[in-house]
């Protein structure tokens, strides 16, 4: 059976009929907004920027600077081991991992939710910035490695 445009099973269908069916099928949905959610990211320092500032995107792998609540990793082989946290004071980060000796982390005060971990087994790294722990933490310094914090870690309870 041949159907003409605007017909249905041999019956003529007007634009009004089509709109009426569409209107009847509409359903009002009640929607509720949820809180903003963001997945934590791990940002790895490569020191490839023209300065040694944490907010410079070129200093991080994939040229993406960290944001609040990210995990920070300072690996072996980075171009600049001495670097400066120039984020606003008390910016919160999830954790700090230092994988090579020779790092010197300085700058503005950090609020830290998680731990500080070092994985190198020889040499020393230094944290020369106040770290305000947001909860009780255990710091893990690899056997043979040394982490100097110069009395700059406080709050939340410390277990080293």
N, C-alpha and C. Protein backbone atom coordinates (compact mmCIF):
# COMPACT_ATOMS: atom_id res chain seq x y z
N UNK A 1 0.84 -1.17 0.00
CA UNK A 1 0.00 0.00 0.00
C UNK A 1 0.89 1.23 0.00
N UNK A 2 0.59 2.13 -0.84
CA UNK A 2 1.34 3.37 -0.98
C UNK A 2 0.75 4.40 -0.04
N UNK A 3 1.67 5.09 0.72
CA UNK A 3 1.19 6.16 1.61
C UNK A 3 1.74 7.48 1.15
N UNK A 4 0.89 8.44 1.10
CA UNK A 4 1.32 9.79 0.76
C UNK A 4 1.92 10.46 1.99
N UNK A 5 2.82 11.40 1.76
CA UNK A 5 3.31 12.18 2.90
C UNK A 5 2.12 12.84 3.58
N UNK A 6 2.11 12.85 4.88
CA UNK A 6 1.00 13.46 5.62
C UNK A 6 -0.15 12.50 5.79
N UNK A 7 0.06 11.20 5.48
CA UNK A 7 -1.01 10.24 5.68
C UNK A 7 -0.51 9.11 6.55
N UNK A 8 -1.44 8.43 7.16
CA UNK A 8 -1.09 7.31 8.02
C UNK A 8 -2.10 6.20 7.75
N UNK A 9 -1.60 5.09 7.24
CA UNK A 9 -2.48 3.97 6.91
C UNK A 9 -3.66 4.40 6.06
N UNK A 10 -3.37 5.23 5.10
CA UNK A 10 -4.42 5.66 4.20
C UNK A 10 -5.26 6.80 4.74
N UNK A 11 -5.08 7.18 6.01
CA UNK A 11 -5.83 8.30 6.58
C UNK A 11 -4.99 9.56 6.50
N UNK A 12 -5.62 10.63 6.33
CA UNK A 12 -4.94 11.91 6.27
C UNK A 12 -4.59 12.34 7.68
N UNK A 13 -3.31 12.82 7.89
CA UNK A 13 -2.87 13.28 9.21
C UNK A 13 -2.51 14.75 9.08
N UNK A 14 -3.15 15.56 9.89
CA UNK A 14 -2.87 17.00 9.83
C UNK A 14 -1.77 17.36 10.81
N UNK A 15 -1.23 18.54 10.62
CA UNK A 15 -0.20 19.04 11.55
C UNK A 15 -0.79 19.20 12.94
N UNK A 16 -2.05 19.55 13.03
CA UNK A 16 -2.71 19.72 14.32
C UNK A 16 -2.76 18.40 15.07
N UNK A 17 -3.09 17.29 14.36
CA UNK A 17 -3.13 15.97 14.99
C UNK A 17 -1.76 15.58 15.52
N UNK A 18 -0.73 15.85 14.73
CA UNK A 18 0.63 15.51 15.14
C UNK A 18 1.02 16.29 16.39
N UNK A 19 0.74 17.57 16.42
CA UNK A 19 1.07 18.40 17.60
C UNK A 19 0.28 17.95 18.82
N UNK A 20 -0.97 17.58 18.63
CA UNK A 20 -1.80 17.14 19.73
C UNK A 20 -1.23 15.86 20.36
N UNK A 21 -0.80 14.92 19.52
CA UNK A 21 -0.20 13.69 20.05
C UNK A 21 1.09 14.00 20.81
N UNK A 22 1.93 14.90 20.27
CA UNK A 22 3.18 15.27 20.93
C UNK A 22 2.91 15.93 22.27
N UNK A 23 1.90 16.78 22.34
CA UNK A 23 1.56 17.47 23.58
C UNK A 23 1.11 16.48 24.64
N UNK A 24 0.32 15.50 24.23
CA UNK A 24 -0.17 14.52 25.17
C UNK A 24 0.94 13.63 25.71
N UNK A 25 2.01 13.47 24.97
CA UNK A 25 3.12 12.61 25.40
C UNK A 25 4.10 13.34 26.31
N UNK A 26 4.01 14.63 26.40
CA UNK A 26 4.94 15.39 27.25
C UNK A 26 4.70 15.08 28.71
N UNK A 27 5.79 14.95 29.41
CA UNK A 27 5.73 14.68 30.83
C UNK A 27 6.61 15.70 31.53
N UNK A 28 6.11 16.30 32.57
CA UNK A 28 6.92 17.23 33.35
C UNK A 28 7.76 16.43 34.33
N UNK A 29 9.06 16.65 34.27
CA UNK A 29 9.98 15.96 35.16
C UNK A 29 10.44 16.93 36.23
N UNK A 30 10.35 16.50 37.46
CA UNK A 30 10.91 17.28 38.56
C UNK A 30 12.35 16.85 38.73
N UNK A 31 13.28 17.81 38.65
CA UNK A 31 14.70 17.48 38.78
C UNK A 31 15.26 18.17 40.01
N UNK A 32 16.16 17.49 40.64
CA UNK A 32 16.82 18.02 41.82
C UNK A 32 18.30 18.16 41.53
N UNK A 33 18.85 19.33 41.83
CA UNK A 33 20.28 19.54 41.63
C UNK A 33 21.06 18.83 42.72
N UNK A 34 22.14 18.18 42.32
CA UNK A 34 23.03 17.54 43.28
C UNK A 34 24.22 18.46 43.55
N UNK A 35 24.90 18.18 44.64
CA UNK A 35 26.10 18.96 44.95
C UNK A 35 27.12 18.75 43.85
N UNK A 36 28.01 19.73 43.71
CA UNK A 36 29.08 19.63 42.72
C UNK A 36 30.03 18.52 43.15
N UNK A 37 30.36 17.64 42.23
CA UNK A 37 31.29 16.55 42.53
C UNK A 37 32.48 16.64 41.59
N UNK A 38 33.63 16.38 42.16
CA UNK A 38 34.86 16.43 41.38
C UNK A 38 35.73 15.27 41.79
N UNK A 39 36.21 14.55 40.83
CA UNK A 39 37.11 13.46 41.14
C UNK A 39 38.49 14.01 41.47
N UNK A 40 39.11 13.41 42.45
CA UNK A 40 40.46 13.82 42.80
C UNK A 40 41.41 13.44 41.66
N UNK A 41 42.36 14.28 41.46
CA UNK A 41 43.35 14.02 40.43
C UNK A 41 44.72 13.92 41.08
N UNK A 42 45.61 13.18 40.45
CA UNK A 42 47.00 13.13 40.87
C UNK A 42 47.79 13.98 39.90
N UNK A 43 48.47 14.98 40.41
CA UNK A 43 49.29 15.87 39.58
C UNK A 43 50.75 15.57 39.85
N UNK A 44 51.52 15.39 38.78
CA UNK A 44 52.93 15.01 38.88
C UNK A 44 53.80 16.16 38.39
N UNK A 45 54.69 16.59 39.25
CA UNK A 45 55.61 17.69 38.97
C UNK A 45 56.65 17.25 37.96
N UNK A 46 56.89 18.09 36.92
CA UNK A 46 58.02 17.80 36.02
C UNK A 46 59.00 18.97 35.97
N UNK A 47 58.60 20.13 36.55
CA UNK A 47 59.50 21.27 36.61
C UNK A 47 59.86 21.85 35.26
N UNK A 48 59.03 21.64 34.26
CA UNK A 48 59.35 22.06 32.89
C UNK A 48 59.01 23.49 32.55
N UNK A 49 58.50 24.25 33.50
CA UNK A 49 58.13 25.64 33.22
C UNK A 49 59.30 26.59 33.35
N UNK A 50 59.06 27.85 33.06
CA UNK A 50 60.09 28.87 33.12
C UNK A 50 60.36 29.36 34.53
N UNK A 51 59.57 28.91 35.50
CA UNK A 51 59.78 29.25 36.91
C UNK A 51 59.57 27.96 37.71
N UNK A 52 59.59 28.06 39.01
CA UNK A 52 59.42 26.87 39.85
C UNK A 52 58.16 26.98 40.70
N UNK A 53 57.13 27.63 40.16
CA UNK A 53 55.90 27.88 40.91
C UNK A 53 54.86 26.79 40.66
N UNK A 54 54.16 26.43 41.73
CA UNK A 54 53.17 25.36 41.63
C UNK A 54 51.99 25.72 40.72
N UNK A 55 51.65 26.99 40.61
CA UNK A 55 50.50 27.37 39.78
C UNK A 55 50.83 27.45 38.29
N UNK A 56 52.07 27.29 37.92
CA UNK A 56 52.46 27.32 36.51
C UNK A 56 52.18 25.95 35.89
N UNK A 57 51.25 25.89 34.98
CA UNK A 57 50.82 24.62 34.38
C UNK A 57 51.99 23.86 33.74
N UNK A 58 52.92 24.58 33.12
CA UNK A 58 54.05 23.94 32.42
C UNK A 58 54.97 23.17 33.37
N UNK A 59 54.83 23.37 34.67
CA UNK A 59 55.65 22.65 35.64
C UNK A 59 55.08 21.28 36.01
N UNK A 60 53.96 20.92 35.43
CA UNK A 60 53.29 19.67 35.78
C UNK A 60 53.10 18.81 34.52
N UNK A 61 53.10 17.51 34.68
CA UNK A 61 52.87 16.58 33.57
C UNK A 61 51.55 16.94 32.90
N UNK A 62 51.53 16.89 31.58
CA UNK A 62 50.37 17.26 30.75
C UNK A 62 50.06 18.75 30.83
N UNK A 63 51.00 19.55 31.38
CA UNK A 63 50.82 20.99 31.50
C UNK A 63 49.48 21.36 32.13
N UNK A 64 49.16 20.64 33.20
CA UNK A 64 47.93 20.90 33.95
C UNK A 64 48.30 21.12 35.41
N UNK A 65 48.15 22.34 35.87
CA UNK A 65 48.46 22.66 37.27
C UNK A 65 47.44 22.00 38.19
N UNK A 66 47.86 21.68 39.40
CA UNK A 66 46.91 21.10 40.35
C UNK A 66 45.87 22.13 40.77
N UNK A 67 44.80 21.63 41.34
CA UNK A 67 43.78 22.45 41.97
C UNK A 67 43.56 21.90 43.37
N UNK A 68 42.81 22.62 44.15
CA UNK A 68 42.54 22.21 45.52
C UNK A 68 42.06 20.76 45.57
N UNK A 69 42.54 20.03 46.55
CA UNK A 69 42.20 18.63 46.84
C UNK A 69 42.91 17.61 45.97
N UNK A 70 43.79 18.03 45.07
CA UNK A 70 44.54 17.08 44.26
C UNK A 70 45.65 16.43 45.09
N UNK A 71 46.09 15.25 44.63
CA UNK A 71 47.26 14.59 45.19
C UNK A 71 48.48 15.09 44.43
N UNK A 72 49.55 15.43 45.13
CA UNK A 72 50.76 15.96 44.50
C UNK A 72 51.89 14.94 44.59
N UNK A 73 52.54 14.72 43.44
CA UNK A 73 53.66 13.78 43.38
C UNK A 73 54.88 14.50 42.82
N UNK A 74 56.00 14.35 43.51
CA UNK A 74 57.28 14.93 43.10
C UNK A 74 58.21 13.77 42.78
N UNK A 75 58.37 13.43 41.47
CA UNK A 75 59.05 12.20 41.06
C UNK A 75 60.55 12.38 40.85
N UNK A 76 61.20 11.28 40.54
CA UNK A 76 62.60 11.33 40.11
C UNK A 76 62.66 11.96 38.72
N UNK A 77 63.77 12.61 38.43
CA UNK A 77 64.00 13.14 37.08
C UNK A 77 63.36 14.48 36.76
N UNK A 78 62.79 15.15 37.73
CA UNK A 78 62.18 16.46 37.45
C UNK A 78 63.27 17.50 37.20
N UNK A 79 62.95 18.50 36.37
CA UNK A 79 63.92 19.53 36.00
C UNK A 79 64.24 20.49 37.15
N UNK A 80 63.28 20.77 38.02
CA UNK A 80 63.50 21.73 39.11
C UNK A 80 63.08 21.08 40.43
N UNK A 81 64.06 20.80 41.26
CA UNK A 81 63.77 20.16 42.55
C UNK A 81 63.40 21.17 43.63
N UNK A 82 63.87 22.39 43.51
CA UNK A 82 63.49 23.45 44.44
C UNK A 82 62.30 24.17 43.83
N UNK A 83 61.17 24.15 44.55
CA UNK A 83 59.96 24.76 44.00
C UNK A 83 59.14 25.42 45.09
N UNK A 84 58.18 26.24 44.65
CA UNK A 84 57.44 27.10 45.58
C UNK A 84 55.94 26.97 45.39
N UNK A 85 55.25 26.68 46.50
CA UNK A 85 53.79 26.69 46.51
C UNK A 85 53.33 28.14 46.53
N UNK A 86 52.84 28.62 45.39
CA UNK A 86 52.34 30.00 45.32
C UNK A 86 50.81 30.04 45.27
N UNK A 87 50.16 28.92 45.60
CA UNK A 87 48.70 28.94 45.77
C UNK A 87 48.38 29.79 46.99
N UNK A 88 47.15 30.24 47.10
CA UNK A 88 46.73 31.01 48.27
C UNK A 88 47.02 30.20 49.53
N UNK A 89 47.41 30.88 50.59
CA UNK A 89 47.68 30.20 51.85
C UNK A 89 46.51 29.34 52.28
N UNK A 90 46.81 28.17 52.83
CA UNK A 90 45.83 27.20 53.31
C UNK A 90 45.03 26.51 52.22
N UNK A 91 45.57 26.51 50.98
CA UNK A 91 44.94 25.69 49.94
C UNK A 91 45.08 24.23 50.36
N UNK A 92 44.01 23.48 50.23
CA UNK A 92 43.96 22.10 50.68
C UNK A 92 44.41 21.15 49.57
N UNK A 93 45.31 20.23 49.90
CA UNK A 93 45.71 19.17 48.99
C UNK A 93 45.48 17.83 49.68
N UNK A 94 45.27 16.78 48.89
CA UNK A 94 44.93 15.46 49.45
C UNK A 94 46.15 14.78 50.06
N UNK A 95 47.29 14.83 49.38
CA UNK A 95 48.50 14.18 49.88
C UNK A 95 49.71 14.70 49.12
N UNK A 96 50.89 14.41 49.66
CA UNK A 96 52.15 14.76 49.00
C UNK A 96 53.03 13.52 49.01
N UNK A 97 53.52 13.15 47.83
CA UNK A 97 54.46 12.04 47.71
C UNK A 97 55.73 12.55 47.07
N UNK A 98 56.87 12.27 47.70
CA UNK A 98 58.17 12.68 47.18
C UNK A 98 58.95 11.40 46.85
N UNK A 99 59.27 11.23 45.56
CA UNK A 99 59.91 9.99 45.11
C UNK A 99 61.41 10.11 44.88
N UNK A 100 61.99 11.27 45.13
CA UNK A 100 63.43 11.46 44.92
C UNK A 100 63.98 12.37 46.00
N UNK A 101 65.21 12.14 46.39
CA UNK A 101 65.84 13.04 47.34
C UNK A 101 66.26 14.32 46.61
N UNK A 102 66.54 15.35 47.38
CA UNK A 102 67.00 16.61 46.81
C UNK A 102 65.91 17.64 46.63
N UNK A 103 64.67 17.29 46.86
CA UNK A 103 63.58 18.26 46.73
C UNK A 103 63.59 19.24 47.89
N UNK A 104 63.22 20.46 47.59
CA UNK A 104 62.98 21.48 48.59
C UNK A 104 61.65 22.14 48.24
N UNK A 105 60.62 21.86 49.05
CA UNK A 105 59.29 22.41 48.83
C UNK A 105 59.08 23.57 49.79
N UNK A 106 58.82 24.73 49.26
CA UNK A 106 58.62 25.90 50.10
C UNK A 106 57.37 26.66 49.68
N UNK A 107 57.19 27.82 50.29
CA UNK A 107 56.09 28.67 49.89
C UNK A 107 55.00 28.78 50.93
N UNK A 108 53.78 28.98 50.45
CA UNK A 108 52.63 29.25 51.31
C UNK A 108 52.18 28.02 52.10
N UNK A 109 51.47 28.29 53.18
CA UNK A 109 50.96 27.24 54.05
C UNK A 109 49.97 26.34 53.29
N UNK A 110 50.04 25.04 53.60
CA UNK A 110 49.19 24.03 52.95
C UNK A 110 48.30 23.38 54.00
N UNK A 111 47.02 23.22 53.69
CA UNK A 111 46.15 22.35 54.48
C UNK A 111 46.22 20.99 53.82
N UNK A 112 46.50 19.95 54.61
CA UNK A 112 46.72 18.62 54.04
C UNK A 112 45.75 17.62 54.64
N UNK A 113 44.94 16.99 53.77
CA UNK A 113 43.99 15.97 54.22
C UNK A 113 44.65 14.62 54.47
N UNK A 114 45.63 14.29 53.67
CA UNK A 114 46.27 12.97 53.75
C UNK A 114 47.69 13.06 54.25
N UNK A 115 48.47 12.10 53.85
CA UNK A 115 49.81 11.96 54.39
C UNK A 115 50.88 12.55 53.49
N UNK A 116 52.08 12.56 54.03
CA UNK A 116 53.28 12.84 53.25
C UNK A 116 54.07 11.53 53.22
N UNK A 117 54.44 11.12 52.01
CA UNK A 117 55.15 9.86 51.83
C UNK A 117 56.42 10.12 51.03
N UNK A 118 57.53 9.51 51.44
CA UNK A 118 58.75 9.55 50.64
C UNK A 118 59.10 8.12 50.27
N UNK A 119 59.64 7.93 49.06
CA UNK A 119 59.97 6.57 48.62
C UNK A 119 61.46 6.38 48.34
N UNK A 120 62.24 7.44 48.39
CA UNK A 120 63.68 7.31 48.12
C UNK A 120 64.36 6.71 49.34
N UNK A 121 65.43 5.95 49.10
CA UNK A 121 66.10 5.22 50.19
C UNK A 121 67.46 5.80 50.56
N UNK A 122 67.83 6.91 49.94
CA UNK A 122 69.07 7.59 50.30
C UNK A 122 68.89 9.07 50.01
N UNK A 123 69.48 9.92 50.84
CA UNK A 123 69.41 11.35 50.61
C UNK A 123 68.32 12.02 51.42
N UNK A 124 68.17 13.33 51.19
CA UNK A 124 67.30 14.17 51.99
C UNK A 124 66.44 15.07 51.10
N UNK A 125 65.23 15.28 51.52
CA UNK A 125 64.37 16.32 50.94
C UNK A 125 63.88 17.19 52.08
N UNK A 126 63.49 18.42 51.75
CA UNK A 126 63.09 19.38 52.77
C UNK A 126 61.74 19.98 52.44
N UNK A 127 60.92 20.13 53.48
CA UNK A 127 59.67 20.89 53.35
C UNK A 127 59.85 22.13 54.20
N UNK A 128 59.85 23.27 53.54
CA UNK A 128 60.03 24.55 54.22
C UNK A 128 58.78 25.40 54.03
N UNK A 129 57.65 24.80 54.32
CA UNK A 129 56.36 25.49 54.27
C UNK A 129 55.51 24.90 55.39
N UNK A 130 54.71 25.72 56.03
CA UNK A 130 53.84 25.20 57.08
C UNK A 130 52.81 24.25 56.47
N UNK A 131 52.62 23.11 57.13
CA UNK A 131 51.63 22.11 56.71
C UNK A 131 50.65 21.95 57.86
N UNK A 132 49.40 22.29 57.61
CA UNK A 132 48.35 22.19 58.61
C UNK A 132 47.56 20.91 58.34
N UNK A 133 47.76 19.91 59.19
CA UNK A 133 47.08 18.63 59.01
C UNK A 133 45.61 18.77 59.38
N UNK A 134 44.76 18.22 58.53
CA UNK A 134 43.32 18.31 58.75
C UNK A 134 42.79 17.14 59.58
N UNK A 135 43.63 16.13 59.80
CA UNK A 135 43.28 14.99 60.64
C UNK A 135 44.58 14.30 61.06
N UNK A 136 44.47 13.32 61.95
CA UNK A 136 45.65 12.57 62.38
C UNK A 136 46.23 11.83 61.19
N UNK A 137 47.52 11.92 61.00
CA UNK A 137 48.18 11.32 59.85
C UNK A 137 49.41 10.53 60.28
N UNK A 138 49.74 9.54 59.49
CA UNK A 138 50.99 8.81 59.64
C UNK A 138 51.85 9.15 58.42
N UNK A 139 53.06 9.61 58.67
CA UNK A 139 53.97 9.92 57.57
C UNK A 139 54.87 8.73 57.34
N UNK A 140 55.10 8.42 56.09
CA UNK A 140 55.91 7.27 55.74
C UNK A 140 57.18 7.73 55.03
N UNK A 141 58.30 7.67 55.76
CA UNK A 141 59.60 8.03 55.19
C UNK A 141 60.37 6.74 54.99
N UNK A 142 60.74 6.46 53.74
CA UNK A 142 61.41 5.20 53.41
C UNK A 142 62.70 5.04 54.21
N UNK A 143 63.00 3.81 54.58
CA UNK A 143 64.23 3.51 55.31
C UNK A 143 65.44 3.97 54.51
N UNK A 144 66.31 4.73 55.17
CA UNK A 144 67.51 5.25 54.52
C UNK A 144 67.33 6.66 53.99
N UNK A 145 66.10 7.08 53.76
CA UNK A 145 65.82 8.44 53.32
C UNK A 145 65.57 9.35 54.50
N UNK A 146 65.64 10.64 54.25
CA UNK A 146 65.42 11.61 55.32
C UNK A 146 64.52 12.72 54.78
N UNK A 147 63.57 13.14 55.61
CA UNK A 147 62.70 14.27 55.29
C UNK A 147 62.83 15.28 56.41
N UNK A 148 63.25 16.49 56.08
CA UNK A 148 63.39 17.56 57.07
C UNK A 148 62.21 18.50 56.90
N UNK A 149 61.48 18.69 58.01
CA UNK A 149 60.30 19.55 57.95
C UNK A 149 60.45 20.78 58.84
N UNK A 150 61.53 20.93 59.57
CA UNK A 150 61.81 22.14 60.35
C UNK A 150 60.61 22.64 61.16
N UNK A 151 59.99 21.77 61.94
CA UNK A 151 58.88 22.16 62.81
C UNK A 151 57.73 22.84 62.07
N UNK A 152 57.53 22.49 60.83
CA UNK A 152 56.51 23.20 60.05
C UNK A 152 55.22 22.40 59.89
N UNK A 153 55.11 21.24 60.57
CA UNK A 153 53.89 20.41 60.46
C UNK A 153 53.15 20.50 61.78
N UNK A 154 51.87 20.84 61.70
CA UNK A 154 51.09 21.00 62.93
C UNK A 154 49.63 20.65 62.67
N UNK A 155 48.88 20.51 63.79
CA UNK A 155 47.44 20.25 63.71
C UNK A 155 47.14 18.78 63.50
N UNK A 156 45.96 18.34 63.91
CA UNK A 156 45.46 17.03 63.58
C UNK A 156 46.18 15.86 64.22
N UNK A 157 47.30 16.07 64.82
CA UNK A 157 48.08 14.96 65.38
C UNK A 157 49.05 14.45 64.34
N UNK A 158 50.27 14.18 64.75
CA UNK A 158 51.30 13.73 63.83
C UNK A 158 51.90 12.45 64.34
N UNK A 159 52.08 11.48 63.44
CA UNK A 159 52.78 10.25 63.77
C UNK A 159 53.81 10.00 62.69
N UNK A 160 55.09 10.13 63.05
CA UNK A 160 56.15 9.97 62.05
C UNK A 160 56.97 8.74 62.40
